[in-house]
Amino acid sequence: MEKTDSLVWFLTGAAVGAAVALLYAPQSGKDTRRYLGKKAKQGREAVGDVSREALDKGRELYEKGRKMADDAADLFERGRRLVEG
């Protein structure tokens, strides 16, 4: 969750920075569009990075859970055999 919080703060900071820049140092329309486009690209990249990391972590946790379930099933089966045998 820390990375998600960081992303939210990054995007908030980018939006506030863009608003302040537009209000206090107006530029030509072309320059402003270029600036906003660059910030939007940085935001998309940050979201993409966090998404990839979250997906990788989810896969890792899934595999750990699956292994634990397989181990538990194996232990259960061995215990059942001991009781029956």
PDB file of N, CA and C in Angstrom:
ATOM      1  N   MET A   1       0.805  -1.195   0.000  1.00  0.00           N
ATOM      2  CA  MET A   1       0.000   0.000   0.000  1.00  0.00           C
ATOM      3  C   MET A   1       0.850   1.262   0.000  1.00  0.00           C
ATOM      4  N   GLU A   2       2.103   1.189   0.454  1.00  0.00           N
ATOM      5  CA  GLU A   2       2.949   2.369   0.485  1.00  0.00           C
ATOM      6  C   GLU A   2       3.153   2.938  -0.909  1.00  0.00           C
ATOM      7  N   LYS A   3       3.348   2.083  -1.893  1.00  0.00           N
ATOM      8  CA  LYS A   3       3.569   2.572  -3.248  1.00  0.00           C
ATOM      9  C   LYS A   3       2.325   3.253  -3.787  1.00  0.00           C
ATOM     10  N   THR A   4       1.160   2.749  -3.433  1.00  0.00           N
ATOM     11  CA  THR A   4      -0.087   3.376  -3.860  1.00  0.00           C
ATOM     12  C   THR A   4      -0.206   4.758  -3.239  1.00  0.00           C
ATOM     13  N   ASP A   5       0.121   4.862  -1.946  1.00  0.00           N
ATOM     14  CA  ASP A   5       0.088   6.164  -1.287  1.00  0.00           C
ATOM     15  C   ASP A   5       1.072   7.122  -1.947  1.00  0.00           C
ATOM     16  N   SER A   6       2.253   6.622  -2.272  1.00  0.00           N
ATOM     17  CA  SER A   6       3.255   7.462  -2.932  1.00  0.00           C
ATOM     18  C   SER A   6       2.749   7.945  -4.284  1.00  0.00           C
ATOM     19  N   LEU A   7       2.080   7.078  -5.004  1.00  0.00           N
ATOM     20  CA  LEU A   7       1.554   7.449  -6.310  1.00  0.00           C
ATOM     21  C   LEU A   7       0.498   8.534  -6.168  1.00  0.00           C
ATOM     22  N   VAL A   8      -0.375   8.385  -5.190  1.00  0.00           N
ATOM     23  CA  VAL A   8      -1.417   9.392  -4.972  1.00  0.00           C
ATOM     24  C   VAL A   8      -0.785  10.737  -4.659  1.00  0.00           C
ATOM     25  N   TRP A   9       0.212  10.745  -3.783  1.00  0.00           N
ATOM     26  CA  TRP A   9       0.883  12.000  -3.441  1.00  0.00           C
ATOM     27  C   TRP A   9       1.627  12.575  -4.645  1.00  0.00           C
ATOM     28  N   PHE A  10       2.232  11.719  -5.448  1.00  0.00           N
ATOM     29  CA  PHE A  10       2.920  12.188  -6.647  1.00  0.00           C
ATOM     30  C   PHE A  10       1.943  12.868  -7.601  1.00  0.00           C
ATOM     31  N   LEU A  11       0.819  12.199  -7.858  1.00  0.00           N
ATOM     32  CA  LEU A  11      -0.167  12.767  -8.776  1.00  0.00           C
ATOM     33  C   LEU A  11      -0.765  14.054  -8.223  1.00  0.00           C
ATOM     34  N   THR A  12      -1.005  14.096  -6.909  1.00  0.00           N
ATOM     35  CA  THR A  12      -1.520  15.318  -6.293  1.00  0.00           C
ATOM     36  C   THR A  12      -0.509  16.448  -6.436  1.00  0.00           C
ATOM     37  N   GLY A  13       0.732  16.139  -6.166  1.00  0.00           N
ATOM     38  CA  GLY A  13       1.788  17.147  -6.311  1.00  0.00           C
ATOM     39  C   GLY A  13       1.933  17.632  -7.741  1.00  0.00           C
ATOM     40  N   ALA A  14       1.826  16.710  -8.682  1.00  0.00           N
ATOM     41  CA  ALA A  14       1.921  17.100 -10.091  1.00  0.00           C
ATOM     42  C   ALA A  14       0.768  18.024 -10.473  1.00  0.00           C
ATOM     43  N   ALA A  15      -0.435  17.713 -10.004  1.00  0.00           N
ATOM     44  CA  ALA A  15      -1.596  18.544 -10.322  1.00  0.00           C
ATOM     45  C   ALA A  15      -1.471  19.929  -9.687  1.00  0.00           C
ATOM     46  N   VAL A  16      -1.059  19.977  -8.419  1.00  0.00           N
ATOM     47  CA  VAL A  16      -0.893  21.265  -7.739  1.00  0.00           C
ATOM     48  C   VAL A  16       0.221  22.066  -8.416  1.00  0.00           C
ATOM     49  N   GLY A  17       1.310  21.407  -8.737  1.00  0.00           N
ATOM     50  CA  GLY A  17       2.415  22.091  -9.418  1.00  0.00           C
ATOM     51  C   GLY A  17       1.995  22.649 -10.761  1.00  0.00           C
ATOM     52  N   ALA A  18       1.231  21.888 -11.491  1.00  0.00           N
ATOM     53  CA  ALA A  18       0.759  22.365 -12.791  1.00  0.00           C
ATOM     54  C   ALA A  18      -0.168  23.560 -12.620  1.00  0.00           C
ATOM     55  N   ALA A  19      -1.050  23.509 -11.635  1.00  0.00           N
ATOM     56  CA  ALA A  19      -1.979  24.626 -11.410  1.00  0.00           C
ATOM     57  C   ALA A  19      -1.224  25.884 -11.000  1.00  0.00           C
ATOM     58  N   VAL A  20      -0.264  25.745 -10.111  1.00  0.00           N
ATOM     59  CA  VAL A  20       0.522  26.903  -9.674  1.00  0.00           C
ATOM     60  C   VAL A  20       1.311  27.481 -10.846  1.00  0.00           C
ATOM     61  N   ALA A  21       1.888  26.612 -11.629  1.00  0.00           N
ATOM     62  CA  ALA A  21       2.658  27.078 -12.779  1.00  0.00           C
ATOM     63  C   ALA A  21       1.773  27.851 -13.755  1.00  0.00           C
ATOM     64  N   LEU A  22       0.575  27.373 -13.980  1.00  0.00           N
ATOM     65  CA  LEU A  22      -0.331  28.050 -14.911  1.00  0.00           C
ATOM     66  C   LEU A  22      -0.811  29.391 -14.353  1.00  0.00           C
ATOM     67  N   LEU A  23      -1.042  29.447 -13.047  1.00  0.00           N
ATOM     68  CA  LEU A  23      -1.563  30.668 -12.447  1.00  0.00           C
ATOM     69  C   LEU A  23      -0.505  31.765 -12.292  1.00  0.00           C
ATOM     70  N   TYR A  24       0.693  31.393 -11.908  1.00  0.00           N
ATOM     71  CA  TYR A  24       1.703  32.391 -11.585  1.00  0.00           C
ATOM     72  C   TYR A  24       2.714  32.659 -12.688  1.00  0.00           C
ATOM     73  N   ALA A  25       2.837  31.800 -13.620  1.00  0.00           N
ATOM     74  CA  ALA A  25       3.800  32.011 -14.698  1.00  0.00           C
ATOM     75  C   ALA A  25       3.186  31.563 -16.022  1.00  0.00           C
ATOM     76  N   PRO A  26       2.169  32.277 -16.466  1.00  0.00           N
ATOM     77  CA  PRO A  26       1.520  31.867 -17.716  1.00  0.00           C
ATOM     78  C   PRO A  26       2.495  31.881 -18.893  1.00  0.00           C
ATOM     79  N   GLN A  27       2.351  30.898 -19.706  1.00  0.00           N
ATOM     80  CA  GLN A  27       3.180  30.768 -20.900  1.00  0.00           C
ATOM     81  C   GLN A  27       2.265  30.781 -22.111  1.00  0.00           C
ATOM     82  N   SER A  28       2.862  30.641 -23.256  1.00  0.00           N
ATOM     83  CA  SER A  28       2.038  30.552 -24.459  1.00  0.00           C
ATOM     84  C   SER A  28       1.254  29.243 -24.417  1.00  0.00           C
ATOM     85  N   GLY A  29       0.199  29.179 -25.172  1.00  0.00           N
ATOM     86  CA  GLY A  29      -0.628  27.972 -25.209  1.00  0.00           C
ATOM     87  C   GLY A  29       0.157  26.743 -25.615  1.00  0.00           C
ATOM     88  N   LYS A  30       1.043  26.919 -26.582  1.00  0.00           N
ATOM     89  CA  LYS A  30       1.841  25.794 -27.063  1.00  0.00           C
ATOM     90  C   LYS A  30       2.757  25.271 -25.953  1.00  0.00           C
ATOM     91  N   ASP A  31       3.420  26.179 -25.242  1.00  0.00           N
ATOM     92  CA  ASP A  31       4.306  25.771 -24.157  1.00  0.00           C
ATOM     93  C   ASP A  31       3.531  25.107 -23.027  1.00  0.00           C
ATOM     94  N   THR A  32       2.361  25.649 -22.722  1.00  0.00           N
ATOM     95  CA  THR A  32       1.532  25.087 -21.662  1.00  0.00           C
ATOM     96  C   THR A  32       1.083  23.679 -22.028  1.00  0.00           C
ATOM     97  N   ARG A  33       0.656  23.481 -23.255  1.00  0.00           N
ATOM     98  CA  ARG A  33       0.236  22.143 -23.699  1.00  0.00           C
ATOM     99  C   ARG A  33       1.401  21.168 -23.643  1.00  0.00           C
ATOM    100  N   ARG A  34       2.572  21.609 -24.021  1.00  0.00           N
ATOM    101  CA  ARG A  34       3.756  20.747 -23.982  1.00  0.00           C
ATOM    102  C   ARG A  34       4.061  20.351 -22.530  1.00  0.00           C
ATOM    103  N   TYR A  35       4.007  21.323 -21.624  1.00  0.00           N
ATOM    104  CA  TYR A  35       4.272  21.079 -20.209  1.00  0.00           C
ATOM    105  C   TYR A  35       3.255  20.088 -19.630  1.00  0.00           C
ATOM    106  N   LEU A  36       1.987  20.333 -19.900  1.00  0.00           N
ATOM    107  CA  LEU A  36       0.940  19.442 -19.385  1.00  0.00           C
ATOM    108  C   LEU A  36       1.064  18.044 -19.974  1.00  0.00           C
ATOM    109  N   GLY A  37       1.420  17.969 -21.242  1.00  0.00           N
ATOM    110  CA  GLY A  37       1.615  16.667 -21.885  1.00  0.00           C
ATOM    111  C   GLY A  37       2.748  15.893 -21.244  1.00  0.00           C
ATOM    112  N   LYS A  38       3.833  16.602 -20.915  1.00  0.00           N
ATOM    113  CA  LYS A  38       4.977  15.950 -20.274  1.00  0.00           C
ATOM    114  C   LYS A  38       4.595  15.436 -18.887  1.00  0.00           C
ATOM    115  N   LYS A  39       3.860  16.253 -18.130  1.00  0.00           N
ATOM    116  CA  LYS A  39       3.444  15.832 -16.789  1.00  0.00           C
ATOM    117  C   LYS A  39       2.461  14.661 -16.861  1.00  0.00           C
ATOM    118  N   ALA A  40       1.576  14.685 -17.823  1.00  0.00           N
ATOM    119  CA  ALA A  40       0.627  13.577 -17.984  1.00  0.00           C
ATOM    120  C   ALA A  40       1.370  12.289 -18.330  1.00  0.00           C
ATOM    121  N   LYS A  41       2.387  12.391 -19.170  1.00  0.00           N
ATOM    122  CA  LYS A  41       3.181  11.215 -19.531  1.00  0.00           C
ATOM    123  C   LYS A  41       3.898  10.659 -18.304  1.00  0.00           C
ATOM    124  N   GLN A  42       4.467  11.548 -17.475  1.00  0.00           N
ATOM    125  CA  GLN A  42       5.137  11.101 -16.256  1.00  0.00           C
ATOM    126  C   GLN A  42       4.148  10.402 -15.326  1.00  0.00           C
ATOM    127  N   GLY A  43       2.944  10.943 -15.227  1.00  0.00           N
ATOM    128  CA  GLY A  43       1.918  10.321 -14.388  1.00  0.00           C
ATOM    129  C   GLY A  43       1.529   8.943 -14.898  1.00  0.00           C
ATOM    130  N   ARG A  44       1.349   8.818 -16.210  1.00  0.00           N
ATOM    131  CA  ARG A  44       1.013   7.507 -16.801  1.00  0.00           C
ATOM    132  C   ARG A  44       2.119   6.491 -16.539  1.00  0.00           C
ATOM    133  N   GLU A  45       3.372   6.930 -16.681  1.00  0.00           N
ATOM    134  CA  GLU A  45       4.490   6.024 -16.435  1.00  0.00           C
ATOM    135  C   GLU A  45       4.526   5.576 -14.978  1.00  0.00           C
ATOM    136  N   ALA A  46       4.268   6.516 -14.061  1.00  0.00           N
ATOM    137  CA  ALA A  46       4.258   6.168 -12.638  1.00  0.00           C
ATOM    138  C   ALA A  46       3.141   5.172 -12.339  1.00  0.00           C
ATOM    139  N   VAL A  47       1.970   5.383 -12.901  1.00  0.00           N
ATOM    140  CA  VAL A  47       0.850   4.463 -12.699  1.00  0.00           C
ATOM    141  C   VAL A  47       1.200   3.093 -13.282  1.00  0.00           C
ATOM    142  N   GLY A  48       1.814   3.085 -14.444  1.00  0.00           N
ATOM    143  CA  GLY A  48       2.210   1.822 -15.068  1.00  0.00           C
ATOM    144  C   GLY A  48       3.211   1.057 -14.221  1.00  0.00           C
ATOM    145  N   ASP A  49       4.191   1.778 -13.654  1.00  0.00           N
ATOM    146  CA  ASP A  49       5.192   1.129 -12.809  1.00  0.00           C
ATOM    147  C   ASP A  49       4.555   0.514 -11.574  1.00  0.00           C
ATOM    148  N   VAL A  50       3.694   1.275 -10.916  1.00  0.00           N
ATOM    149  CA  VAL A  50       3.041   0.768  -9.708  1.00  0.00           C
ATOM    150  C   VAL A  50       2.143  -0.420 -10.053  1.00  0.00           C
ATOM    151  N   SER A  51       1.462  -0.350 -11.185  1.00  0.00           N
ATOM    152  CA  SER A  51       0.581  -1.446 -11.599  1.00  0.00           C
ATOM    153  C   SER A  51       1.374  -2.726 -11.851  1.00  0.00           C
ATOM    154  N   ARG A  52       2.507  -2.588 -12.520  1.00  0.00           N
ATOM    155  CA  ARG A  52       3.343  -3.768 -12.784  1.00  0.00           C
ATOM    156  C   ARG A  52       3.866  -4.369 -11.479  1.00  0.00           C
ATOM    157  N   GLU A  53       4.293  -3.510 -10.561  1.00  0.00           N
ATOM    158  CA  GLU A  53       4.787  -4.008  -9.284  1.00  0.00           C
ATOM    159  C   GLU A  53       3.680  -4.717  -8.504  1.00  0.00           C
ATOM    160  N   ALA A  54       2.482  -4.155  -8.523  1.00  0.00           N
ATOM    161  CA  ALA A  54       1.353  -4.767  -7.817  1.00  0.00           C
ATOM    162  C   ALA A  54       1.009  -6.115  -8.446  1.00  0.00           C
ATOM    163  N   LEU A  55       1.040  -6.195  -9.758  1.00  0.00           N
ATOM    164  CA  LEU A  55       0.753  -7.450 -10.450  1.00  0.00           C
ATOM    165  C   LEU A  55       1.796  -8.507 -10.107  1.00  0.00           C
ATOM    166  N   ASP A  56       3.069  -8.124 -10.114  1.00  0.00           N
ATOM    167  CA  ASP A  56       4.131  -9.062  -9.762  1.00  0.00           C
ATOM    168  C   ASP A  56       3.979  -9.555  -8.325  1.00  0.00           C
ATOM    169  N   LYS A  57       3.668  -8.645  -7.418  1.00  0.00           N
ATOM    170  CA  LYS A  57       3.495  -9.022  -6.016  1.00  0.00           C
ATOM    171  C   LYS A  57       2.287  -9.954  -5.864  1.00  0.00           C
ATOM    172  N   GLY A  58       1.218  -9.672  -6.589  1.00  0.00           N
ATOM    173  CA  GLY A  58       0.041 -10.533  -6.548  1.00  0.00           C
ATOM    174  C   GLY A  58       0.347 -11.935  -7.041  1.00  0.00           C
ATOM    175  N   ARG A  59       1.102 -12.036  -8.107  1.00  0.00           N
ATOM    176  CA  ARG A  59       1.495 -13.358  -8.620  1.00  0.00           C
ATOM    177  C   ARG A  59       2.346 -14.100  -7.602  1.00  0.00           C
ATOM    178  N   GLU A  60       3.275 -13.364  -6.978  1.00  0.00           N
ATOM    179  CA  GLU A  60       4.144 -13.979  -5.977  1.00  0.00           C
ATOM    180  C   GLU A  60       3.328 -14.505  -4.794  1.00  0.00           C
ATOM    181  N   LEU A  61       2.391 -13.703  -4.316  1.00  0.00           N
ATOM    182  CA  LEU A  61       1.550 -14.131  -3.199  1.00  0.00           C
ATOM    183  C   LEU A  61       0.662 -15.308  -3.584  1.00  0.00           C
ATOM    184  N   TYR A  62       0.158 -15.303  -4.811  1.00  0.00           N
ATOM    185  CA  TYR A  62      -0.660 -16.417  -5.289  1.00  0.00           C
ATOM    186  C   TYR A  62       0.148 -17.710  -5.274  1.00  0.00           C
ATOM    187  N   GLU A  63       1.370 -17.652  -5.780  1.00  0.00           N
ATOM    188  CA  GLU A  63       2.211 -18.848  -5.824  1.00  0.00           C
ATOM    189  C   GLU A  63       2.531 -19.343  -4.416  1.00  0.00           C
ATOM    190  N   LYS A  64       2.815 -18.424  -3.487  1.00  0.00           N
ATOM    191  CA  LYS A  64       3.080 -18.830  -2.105  1.00  0.00           C
ATOM    192  C   LYS A  64       1.845 -19.500  -1.497  1.00  0.00           C
ATOM    193  N   GLY A  65       0.683 -18.916  -1.718  1.00  0.00           N
ATOM    194  CA  GLY A  65      -0.558 -19.488  -1.201  1.00  0.00           C
ATOM    195  C   GLY A  65      -0.840 -20.853  -1.796  1.00  0.00           C
ATOM    196  N   ARG A  66      -0.596 -20.979  -3.077  1.00  0.00           N
ATOM    197  CA  ARG A  66      -0.814 -22.266  -3.737  1.00  0.00           C
ATOM    198  C   ARG A  66       0.114 -23.341  -3.181  1.00  0.00           C
ATOM    199  N   LYS A  67       1.371 -22.974  -2.952  1.00  0.00           N
ATOM    200  CA  LYS A  67       2.328 -23.929  -2.395  1.00  0.00           C
ATOM    201  C   LYS A  67       1.904 -24.330  -0.983  1.00  0.00           C
ATOM    202  N   MET A  68       1.470 -23.357  -0.190  1.00  0.00           N
ATOM    203  CA  MET A  68       1.012 -23.670   1.172  1.00  0.00           C
ATOM    204  C   MET A  68      -0.191 -24.606   1.140  1.00  0.00           C
ATOM    205  N   ALA A  69      -1.121 -24.376   0.223  1.00  0.00           N
ATOM    206  CA  ALA A  69      -2.298 -25.236   0.100  1.00  0.00           C
ATOM    207  C   ALA A  69      -1.893 -26.645  -0.327  1.00  0.00           C
ATOM    208  N   ASP A  70      -0.957 -26.749  -1.258  1.00  0.00           N
ATOM    209  CA  ASP A  70      -0.475 -28.062  -1.686  1.00  0.00           C
ATOM    210  C   ASP A  70       0.211 -28.801  -0.537  1.00  0.00           C
ATOM    211  N   ASP A  71       1.036 -28.062   0.227  1.00  0.00           N
ATOM    212  CA  ASP A  71       1.717 -28.680   1.378  1.00  0.00           C
ATOM    213  C   ASP A  71       0.706 -29.139   2.421  1.00  0.00           C
ATOM    214  N   ALA A  72      -0.311 -28.330   2.676  1.00  0.00           N
ATOM    215  CA  ALA A  72      -1.336 -28.698   3.659  1.00  0.00           C
ATOM    216  C   ALA A  72      -2.102 -29.931   3.186  1.00  0.00           C
ATOM    217  N   ALA A  73      -2.418 -29.998   1.911  1.00  0.00           N
ATOM    218  CA  ALA A  73      -3.128 -31.164   1.375  1.00  0.00           C
ATOM    219  C   ALA A  73      -2.268 -32.409   1.497  1.00  0.00           C
ATOM    220  N   ASP A  74      -0.971 -32.268   1.264  1.00  0.00           N
ATOM    221  CA  ASP A  74      -0.055 -33.399   1.385  1.00  0.00           C
ATOM    222  C   ASP A  74       0.009 -33.882   2.839  1.00  0.00           C
ATOM    223  N   LEU A  75       0.118 -32.941   3.774  1.00  0.00           N
ATOM    224  CA  LEU A  75       0.147 -33.319   5.193  1.00  0.00           C
ATOM    225  C   LEU A  75      -1.157 -33.996   5.613  1.00  0.00           C
ATOM    226  N   PHE A  76      -2.261 -33.474   5.147  1.00  0.00           N
ATOM    227  CA  PHE A  76      -3.559 -34.074   5.457  1.00  0.00           C
ATOM    228  C   PHE A  76      -3.624 -35.504   4.952  1.00  0.00           C
ATOM    229  N   GLU A  77      -3.174 -35.706   3.726  1.00  0.00           N
ATOM    230  CA  GLU A  77      -3.218 -37.050   3.130  1.00  0.00           C
ATOM    231  C   GLU A  77      -2.311 -38.005   3.899  1.00  0.00           C
ATOM    232  N   ARG A  78      -1.124 -37.552   4.295  1.00  0.00           N
ATOM    233  CA  ARG A  78      -0.225 -38.405   5.074  1.00  0.00           C
ATOM    234  C   ARG A  78      -0.843 -38.742   6.425  1.00  0.00           C
ATOM    235  N   GLY A  79      -1.481 -37.763   7.044  1.00  0.00           N
ATOM    236  CA  GLY A  79      -2.147 -38.009   8.328  1.00  0.00           C
ATOM    237  C   GLY A  79      -3.292 -38.997   8.178  1.00  0.00           C
ATOM    238  N   ARG A  80      -4.052 -38.882   7.114  1.00  0.00           N
ATOM    239  CA  ARG A  80      -5.167 -39.806   6.861  1.00  0.00           C
ATOM    240  C   ARG A  80      -4.659 -41.229   6.690  1.00  0.00           C
ATOM    241  N   ARG A  81      -3.545 -41.376   5.973  1.00  0.00           N
ATOM    242  CA  ARG A  81      -2.976 -42.708   5.780  1.00  0.00           C
ATOM    243  C   ARG A  81      -2.506 -43.313   7.104  1.00  0.00           C
ATOM    244  N   LEU A  82      -1.927 -42.479   7.970  1.00  0.00           N
ATOM    245  CA  LEU A  82      -1.471 -42.974   9.261  1.00  0.00           C
ATOM    246  C   LEU A  82      -2.639 -43.468  10.104  1.00  0.00           C
ATOM    247  N   VAL A  83      -3.741 -42.722  10.073  1.00  0.00           N
ATOM    248  CA  VAL A  83      -4.914 -43.090  10.852  1.00  0.00           C
ATOM    249  C   VAL A  83      -5.540 -44.364  10.310  1.00  0.00           C
ATOM    250  N   GLU A  84      -5.606 -44.501   9.007  1.00  0.00           N
ATOM    251  CA  GLU A  84      -6.240 -45.679   8.385  1.00  0.00           C
ATOM    252  C   GLU A  84      -5.341 -46.904   8.465  1.00  0.00           C
ATOM    253  N   GLY A  85      -4.043 -46.683   8.381  1.00  0.00           N
ATOM    254  CA  GLY A  85      -3.121 -47.805   8.265  1.00  0.00           C
ATOM    255  C   GLY A  85      -2.714 -48.402   9.518  1.00  0.00           C
TER     256      GLY A  85
END
